[in-house]
Amino acid sequence: MRVYADRIQVERGEEWTYDVYFHNRDGSPYIVSNQLTNPYILVTVASSKYTQNGRYIANFWNEVTEAYHTFYCTQPIELSGSTLPTPENGLSPEIIQDIQDKNQTYSTYAVYKWVDTNGVAQYKYWNEETAAYEDYDFHFVMTFPTDITNQWIEQNYVFGVKLVAGTANAAYNPEVDGSRPIVTFDGVQVLVAPMQLIVTSNIAGSLPLL
């Protein structure tokens, strides 16, 4: 597997892992709102962008709330202080009041940004159980096993990643092809714009046995 700026290249039947850190345009880590209903990271592989006869499309649903921290604010809140302060000591009274008004806690309200003495921005969230900070990033990893990639033929596909949310589908069964966990979408945000996924032949697998 090879990843380029605008495309991914894999061999048919190859197990490969898509491994990425999602960031905002300002370089801060991506944050998912805890106000979303039933959020998923949706990875799509399709033989074309648009619906047409014979189109191949596979959707891979990755539940956010089971694997990632979510927060009320989707932009980091900056802490003040020459040393890393606790949220209680580093936040303004107005923000502390807003946390209370929104029925949040220091750990669910936001990711906190603090710039150290070297000018390096650190992003952290508050762990209520340990009463300490932990580093925050949005690290997404998904492995495509051989039973999936064997279904792909040697051609160009469209690969994309979105954050989606909406009304839960009570009949959702991840073992059934085409089943989806969301009935109607309340929100969609593109994380990776549609890009080429180039599938080539498995050269080693096509060689005759000696």
C-alpha atoms as a PDB file:
ATOM      1  CA  MET A   1       0.000   0.000   0.000  1.00  0.00           C
ATOM      2  CA  ARG A   2       1.199   3.498  -0.883  1.00  0.00           C
ATOM      3  CA  VAL A   3      -0.381   6.794   0.145  1.00  0.00           C
ATOM      4  CA  TYR A   4       0.127   9.941  -1.908  1.00  0.00           C
ATOM      5  CA  ALA A   5      -1.284  13.439  -1.483  1.00  0.00           C
ATOM      6  CA  ASP A   6      -4.205  12.797  -3.813  1.00  0.00           C
ATOM      7  CA  ARG A   7      -4.477   9.024  -4.077  1.00  0.00           C
ATOM      8  CA  ILE A   8      -3.979   5.646  -2.426  1.00  0.00           C
ATOM      9  CA  GLN A   9      -2.560   2.636  -4.240  1.00  0.00           C
ATOM     10  CA  VAL A  10      -3.100  -0.936  -3.059  1.00  0.00           C
ATOM     11  CA  GLU A  11      -2.893  -4.415  -4.516  1.00  0.00           C
ATOM     12  CA  ARG A  12      -5.975  -6.556  -4.898  1.00  0.00           C
ATOM     13  CA  GLY A  13      -6.209  -8.967  -1.958  1.00  0.00           C
ATOM     14  CA  GLU A  14      -3.772  -6.904   0.129  1.00  0.00           C
ATOM     15  CA  GLU A  15      -4.562  -6.244   3.771  1.00  0.00           C
ATOM     16  CA  TRP A  16      -3.873  -2.583   4.422  1.00  0.00           C
ATOM     17  CA  THR A  17      -4.516  -0.013   7.118  1.00  0.00           C
ATOM     18  CA  TYR A  18      -5.693   3.547   6.706  1.00  0.00           C
ATOM     19  CA  ASP A  19      -4.023   5.463   9.527  1.00  0.00           C
ATOM     20  CA  VAL A  20      -4.515   9.234   9.830  1.00  0.00           C
ATOM     21  CA  TYR A  21      -4.596  12.079  12.344  1.00  0.00           C
ATOM     22  CA  PHE A  22      -7.426  14.479  11.554  1.00  0.00           C
ATOM     23  CA  HIS A  23      -6.714  18.180  12.084  1.00  0.00           C
ATOM     24  CA  ASN A  24      -8.491  21.483  11.600  1.00  0.00           C
ATOM     25  CA  ARG A  25      -7.138  24.062   9.165  1.00  0.00           C
ATOM     26  CA  ASP A  26      -5.346  25.889  11.989  1.00  0.00           C
ATOM     27  CA  GLY A  27      -3.430  22.731  12.895  1.00  0.00           C
ATOM     28  CA  SER A  28      -5.427  21.924  16.008  1.00  0.00           C
ATOM     29  CA  PRO A  29      -6.752  18.363  16.368  1.00  0.00           C
ATOM     30  CA  TYR A  30     -10.220  17.614  15.043  1.00  0.00           C
ATOM     31  CA  ILE A  31     -12.959  17.498  17.697  1.00  0.00           C
ATOM     32  CA  VAL A  32     -16.352  15.789  17.478  1.00  0.00           C
ATOM     33  CA  SER A  33     -19.266  17.480  19.229  1.00  0.00           C
ATOM     34  CA  ASN A  34     -20.987  15.574  22.010  1.00  0.00           C
ATOM     35  CA  GLN A  35     -24.233  17.211  20.881  1.00  0.00           C
ATOM     36  CA  LEU A  36     -24.400  14.994  17.787  1.00  0.00           C
ATOM     37  CA  THR A  37     -26.858  12.119  17.757  1.00  0.00           C
ATOM     38  CA  ASN A  38     -25.440   8.717  16.861  1.00  0.00           C
ATOM     39  CA  PRO A  39     -22.173   9.905  15.228  1.00  0.00           C
ATOM     40  CA  TYR A  40     -20.134   7.653  12.947  1.00  0.00           C
ATOM     41  CA  ILE A  41     -16.994   7.945  10.850  1.00  0.00           C
ATOM     42  CA  LEU A  42     -18.209   6.710   7.472  1.00  0.00           C
ATOM     43  CA  VAL A  43     -15.594   5.394   5.048  1.00  0.00           C
ATOM     44  CA  THR A  44     -16.843   4.792   1.511  1.00  0.00           C
ATOM     45  CA  VAL A  45     -15.234   2.942  -1.382  1.00  0.00           C
ATOM     46  CA  ALA A  46     -17.113   3.181  -4.688  1.00  0.00           C
ATOM     47  CA  SER A  47     -16.404   2.486  -8.339  1.00  0.00           C
ATOM     48  CA  SER A  48     -17.744   5.942  -9.283  1.00  0.00           C
ATOM     49  CA  LYS A  49     -18.826   9.182  -7.614  1.00  0.00           C
ATOM     50  CA  TYR A  50     -22.400   8.941  -8.828  1.00  0.00           C
ATOM     51  CA  THR A  51     -25.109   6.295  -8.808  1.00  0.00           C
ATOM     52  CA  GLN A  52     -25.216   4.195 -11.981  1.00  0.00           C
ATOM     53  CA  ASN A  53     -26.006   0.663 -13.071  1.00  0.00           C
ATOM     54  CA  GLY A  54     -23.470  -1.875 -11.846  1.00  0.00           C
ATOM     55  CA  ARG A  55     -21.864   0.577  -9.450  1.00  0.00           C
ATOM     56  CA  TYR A  56     -19.841  -0.995  -6.628  1.00  0.00           C
ATOM     57  CA  ILE A  57     -20.152   0.774  -3.282  1.00  0.00           C
ATOM     58  CA  ALA A  58     -19.118  -0.335   0.191  1.00  0.00           C
ATOM     59  CA  ASN A  59     -19.750   1.705   3.339  1.00  0.00           C
ATOM     60  CA  PHE A  60     -17.786   1.086   6.520  1.00  0.00           C
ATOM     61  CA  TRP A  61     -19.386   2.501   9.680  1.00  0.00           C
ATOM     62  CA  ASN A  62     -17.098   3.343  12.615  1.00  0.00           C
ATOM     63  CA  GLU A  63     -18.948   4.326  15.783  1.00  0.00           C
ATOM     64  CA  VAL A  64     -17.499   7.481  17.328  1.00  0.00           C
ATOM     65  CA  THR A  65     -18.808   7.242  20.874  1.00  0.00           C
ATOM     66  CA  GLU A  66     -17.278   3.795  21.364  1.00  0.00           C
ATOM     67  CA  ALA A  67     -13.767   4.807  20.335  1.00  0.00           C
ATOM     68  CA  TYR A  68     -13.284   8.566  20.686  1.00  0.00           C
ATOM     69  CA  HIS A  69     -13.757  11.366  23.173  1.00  0.00           C
ATOM     70  CA  THR A  70     -16.397  13.935  22.242  1.00  0.00           C
ATOM     71  CA  PHE A  71     -16.785  17.443  23.640  1.00  0.00           C
ATOM     72  CA  TYR A  72     -19.324  20.251  23.819  1.00  0.00           C
ATOM     73  CA  CYS A  73     -16.973  22.698  22.082  1.00  0.00           C
ATOM     74  CA  THR A  74     -15.517  21.784  18.698  1.00  0.00           C
ATOM     75  CA  GLN A  75     -12.682  24.311  18.975  1.00  0.00           C
ATOM     76  CA  PRO A  76      -9.985  24.178  21.686  1.00  0.00           C
ATOM     77  CA  ILE A  77     -10.260  26.539  24.654  1.00  0.00           C
ATOM     78  CA  GLU A  78      -6.996  28.265  25.499  1.00  0.00           C
ATOM     79  CA  LEU A  79      -5.643  28.139  29.048  1.00  0.00           C
ATOM     80  CA  SER A  80      -3.673  30.987  30.532  1.00  0.00           C
ATOM     81  CA  GLY A  81      -0.650  30.609  32.779  1.00  0.00           C
ATOM     82  CA  SER A  82       3.124  30.226  32.600  1.00  0.00           C
ATOM     83  CA  THR A  83       2.722  26.645  33.802  1.00  0.00           C
ATOM     84  CA  LEU A  84      -0.092  24.294  32.827  1.00  0.00           C
ATOM     85  CA  PRO A  85      -2.978  25.172  35.151  1.00  0.00           C
ATOM     86  CA  THR A  86      -5.969  23.061  36.079  1.00  0.00           C
ATOM     87  CA  PRO A  87      -9.119  24.063  34.195  1.00  0.00           C
ATOM     88  CA  GLU A  88     -10.486  25.645  37.350  1.00  0.00           C
ATOM     89  CA  ASN A  89      -7.430  27.901  37.632  1.00  0.00           C
ATOM     90  CA  GLY A  90      -6.807  28.515  33.938  1.00  0.00           C
ATOM     91  CA  LEU A  91     -10.285  29.277  32.611  1.00  0.00           C
ATOM     92  CA  SER A  92     -12.110  32.574  32.823  1.00  0.00           C
ATOM     93  CA  PRO A  93     -15.107  32.898  35.169  1.00  0.00           C
ATOM     94  CA  GLU A  94     -17.347  33.312  32.116  1.00  0.00           C
ATOM     95  CA  ILE A  95     -16.276  29.955  30.653  1.00  0.00           C
ATOM     96  CA  ILE A  96     -16.616  28.206  34.020  1.00  0.00           C
ATOM     97  CA  GLN A  97     -20.145  29.581  34.269  1.00  0.00           C
ATOM     98  CA  ASP A  98     -20.902  28.405  30.730  1.00  0.00           C
ATOM     99  CA  ILE A  99     -19.734  24.881  31.634  1.00  0.00           C
ATOM    100  CA  GLN A 100     -22.223  24.860  34.491  1.00  0.00           C
ATOM    101  CA  ASP A 101     -25.022  26.374  32.398  1.00  0.00           C
ATOM    102  CA  LYS A 102     -24.543  23.746  29.677  1.00  0.00           C
ATOM    103  CA  ASN A 103     -24.555  20.874  32.217  1.00  0.00           C
ATOM    104  CA  GLN A 104     -21.026  19.898  31.212  1.00  0.00           C
ATOM    105  CA  THR A 105     -17.886  19.131  33.204  1.00  0.00           C
ATOM    106  CA  TYR A 106     -14.269  20.145  32.647  1.00  0.00           C
ATOM    107  CA  SER A 107     -13.726  16.787  30.948  1.00  0.00           C
ATOM    108  CA  THR A 108     -16.723  16.970  28.582  1.00  0.00           C
ATOM    109  CA  TYR A 109     -16.730  20.678  27.787  1.00  0.00           C
ATOM    110  CA  ALA A 110     -13.629  21.110  25.645  1.00  0.00           C
ATOM    111  CA  VAL A 111     -10.140  20.223  24.570  1.00  0.00           C
ATOM    112  CA  TYR A 112      -7.706  22.655  26.162  1.00  0.00           C
ATOM    113  CA  LYS A 113      -4.848  24.411  24.399  1.00  0.00           C
ATOM    114  CA  TRP A 114      -1.827  25.571  26.325  1.00  0.00           C
ATOM    115  CA  VAL A 115       1.311  27.104  24.822  1.00  0.00           C
ATOM    116  CA  ASP A 116       4.482  26.186  26.698  1.00  0.00           C
ATOM    117  CA  THR A 117       7.525  28.407  27.259  1.00  0.00           C
ATOM    118  CA  ASN A 118       9.017  27.224  23.948  1.00  0.00           C
ATOM    119  CA  GLY A 119       5.955  28.411  22.059  1.00  0.00           C
ATOM    120  CA  VAL A 120       4.697  24.883  21.372  1.00  0.00           C
ATOM    121  CA  ALA A 121       0.938  24.408  21.527  1.00  0.00           C
ATOM    122  CA  GLN A 122      -0.216  21.407  23.540  1.00  0.00           C
ATOM    123  CA  TYR A 123      -3.737  19.994  23.298  1.00  0.00           C
ATOM    124  CA  LYS A 124      -5.150  18.128  26.261  1.00  0.00           C
ATOM    125  CA  TYR A 125      -8.387  17.024  27.855  1.00  0.00           C
ATOM    126  CA  TRP A 126      -9.153  16.796  31.556  1.00  0.00           C
ATOM    127  CA  ASN A 127      -9.613  13.325  33.030  1.00  0.00           C
ATOM    128  CA  GLU A 128     -12.056  13.595  35.940  1.00  0.00           C
ATOM    129  CA  GLU A 129     -11.125  10.191  37.350  1.00  0.00           C
ATOM    130  CA  THR A 130      -7.419  10.928  37.653  1.00  0.00           C
ATOM    131  CA  ALA A 131      -7.772  14.704  38.100  1.00  0.00           C
ATOM    132  CA  ALA A 132      -5.063  15.180  35.489  1.00  0.00           C
ATOM    133  CA  TYR A 133      -4.629  16.095  31.850  1.00  0.00           C
ATOM    134  CA  GLU A 134      -4.143  13.619  29.025  1.00  0.00           C
ATOM    135  CA  ASP A 135      -2.865  14.402  25.542  1.00  0.00           C
ATOM    136  CA  TYR A 136      -5.552  14.746  22.897  1.00  0.00           C
ATOM    137  CA  ASP A 137      -5.524  13.967  19.197  1.00  0.00           C
ATOM    138  CA  PHE A 138      -8.008  12.500  16.746  1.00  0.00           C
ATOM    139  CA  HIS A 139      -6.298   9.371  15.478  1.00  0.00           C
ATOM    140  CA  PHE A 140      -8.366   7.283  13.080  1.00  0.00           C
ATOM    141  CA  VAL A 141      -7.278   3.767  12.123  1.00  0.00           C
ATOM    142  CA  MET A 142      -9.165   1.314   9.935  1.00  0.00           C
ATOM    143  CA  THR A 143      -7.888  -1.962   8.514  1.00  0.00           C
ATOM    144  CA  PHE A 144      -9.182  -3.383   5.246  1.00  0.00           C
ATOM    145  CA  PRO A 145      -8.801  -7.192   5.425  1.00  0.00           C
ATOM    146  CA  THR A 146      -8.162  -9.423   2.444  1.00  0.00           C
ATOM    147  CA  ASP A 147     -11.758 -10.635   2.245  1.00  0.00           C
ATOM    148  CA  ILE A 148     -12.752  -7.043   1.421  1.00  0.00           C
ATOM    149  CA  THR A 149      -9.915  -6.161  -0.939  1.00  0.00           C
ATOM    150  CA  ASN A 150     -10.349  -9.435  -2.830  1.00  0.00           C
ATOM    151  CA  GLN A 151     -13.730  -8.074  -3.915  1.00  0.00           C
ATOM    152  CA  TRP A 152     -12.038  -5.170  -5.682  1.00  0.00           C
ATOM    153  CA  ILE A 153     -10.904  -5.515  -9.266  1.00  0.00           C
ATOM    154  CA  GLU A 154      -7.963  -3.793 -10.934  1.00  0.00           C
ATOM    155  CA  GLN A 155      -9.356  -0.311 -11.514  1.00  0.00           C
ATOM    156  CA  ASN A 156      -9.677   3.139  -9.947  1.00  0.00           C
ATOM    157  CA  TYR A 157     -12.171   3.600  -7.119  1.00  0.00           C
ATOM    158  CA  VAL A 158     -13.367   6.650  -5.195  1.00  0.00           C
ATOM    159  CA  PHE A 159     -12.358   6.756  -1.521  1.00  0.00           C
ATOM    160  CA  GLY A 160     -13.840   9.210   0.981  1.00  0.00           C
ATOM    161  CA  VAL A 161     -14.324   9.759   4.705  1.00  0.00           C
ATOM    162  CA  LYS A 162     -17.154  11.667   6.413  1.00  0.00           C
ATOM    163  CA  LEU A 163     -18.453  12.348   9.894  1.00  0.00           C
ATOM    164  CA  VAL A 164     -22.180  11.583   9.859  1.00  0.00           C
ATOM    165  CA  ALA A 165     -24.883  11.658  12.507  1.00  0.00           C
ATOM    166  CA  GLY A 166     -28.613  11.137  12.691  1.00  0.00           C
ATOM    167  CA  THR A 167     -31.537   9.025  13.791  1.00  0.00           C
ATOM    168  CA  ALA A 168     -30.501   5.526  14.845  1.00  0.00           C
ATOM    169  CA  ASN A 169     -31.717   2.518  12.894  1.00  0.00           C
ATOM    170  CA  ALA A 170     -33.014  -0.023  15.416  1.00  0.00           C
ATOM    171  CA  ALA A 171     -32.797  -2.783  12.804  1.00  0.00           C
ATOM    172  CA  TYR A 172     -29.115  -2.155  12.032  1.00  0.00           C
ATOM    173  CA  ASN A 173     -27.076  -5.339  11.658  1.00  0.00           C
ATOM    174  CA  PRO A 174     -23.380  -4.841  10.848  1.00  0.00           C
ATOM    175  CA  GLU A 175     -23.207  -8.401   9.539  1.00  0.00           C
ATOM    176  CA  VAL A 176     -25.720  -7.658   6.763  1.00  0.00           C
ATOM    177  CA  ASP A 177     -24.431  -6.001   3.597  1.00  0.00           C
ATOM    178  CA  GLY A 178     -26.127  -2.681   2.940  1.00  0.00           C
ATOM    179  CA  SER A 179     -27.435  -2.317   6.485  1.00  0.00           C
ATOM    180  CA  ARG A 180     -26.757   1.111   7.949  1.00  0.00           C
ATOM    181  CA  PRO A 181     -27.008   2.398  11.527  1.00  0.00           C
ATOM    182  CA  ILE A 182     -28.565   5.748  10.595  1.00  0.00           C
ATOM    183  CA  VAL A 183     -32.055   6.159   9.144  1.00  0.00           C
ATOM    184  CA  THR A 184     -31.944   9.895   8.400  1.00  0.00           C
ATOM    185  CA  PHE A 185     -28.890  12.123   8.453  1.00  0.00           C
ATOM    186  CA  ASP A 186     -28.933  15.201  10.685  1.00  0.00           C
ATOM    187  CA  GLY A 187     -25.391  16.209   9.875  1.00  0.00           C
ATOM    188  CA  VAL A 188     -22.589  15.395   7.470  1.00  0.00           C
ATOM    189  CA  GLN A 189     -19.040  16.761   7.453  1.00  0.00           C
ATOM    190  CA  VAL A 190     -16.383  15.755   4.943  1.00  0.00           C
ATOM    191  CA  LEU A 191     -13.134  14.676   6.604  1.00  0.00           C
ATOM    192  CA  VAL A 192     -11.402  13.371   3.473  1.00  0.00           C
ATOM    193  CA  ALA A 193     -12.673  14.669   0.138  1.00  0.00           C
ATOM    194  CA  PRO A 194     -13.220  12.003  -2.540  1.00  0.00           C
ATOM    195  CA  MET A 195      -9.842  10.797  -3.807  1.00  0.00           C
ATOM    196  CA  GLN A 196      -8.543   8.007  -6.028  1.00  0.00           C
ATOM    197  CA  LEU A 197      -8.079   4.512  -4.659  1.00  0.00           C
ATOM    198  CA  ILE A 198      -6.050   2.681  -7.282  1.00  0.00           C
ATOM    199  CA  VAL A 199      -6.250  -1.103  -7.131  1.00  0.00           C
ATOM    200  CA  THR A 200      -3.538  -2.988  -9.006  1.00  0.00           C
ATOM    201  CA  SER A 201      -3.033  -6.694  -9.598  1.00  0.00           C
ATOM    202  CA  ASN A 202      -1.284  -8.791  -6.994  1.00  0.00           C
ATOM    203  CA  ILE A 203       1.959  -9.486  -8.852  1.00  0.00           C
ATOM    204  CA  ALA A 204       3.257 -12.022  -6.342  1.00  0.00           C
ATOM    205  CA  GLY A 205      -0.070 -13.825  -6.284  1.00  0.00           C
ATOM    206  CA  SER A 206      -0.134 -14.075 -10.083  1.00  0.00           C
ATOM    207  CA  LEU A 207       3.276 -15.663 -10.439  1.00  0.00           C
ATOM    208  CA  PRO A 208       3.281 -19.394 -11.241  1.00  0.00           C
ATOM    209  CA  LEU A 209       4.510 -21.755  -8.567  1.00  0.00           C
ATOM    210  CA  LEU A 210       7.943 -23.283  -9.345  1.00  0.00           C
END
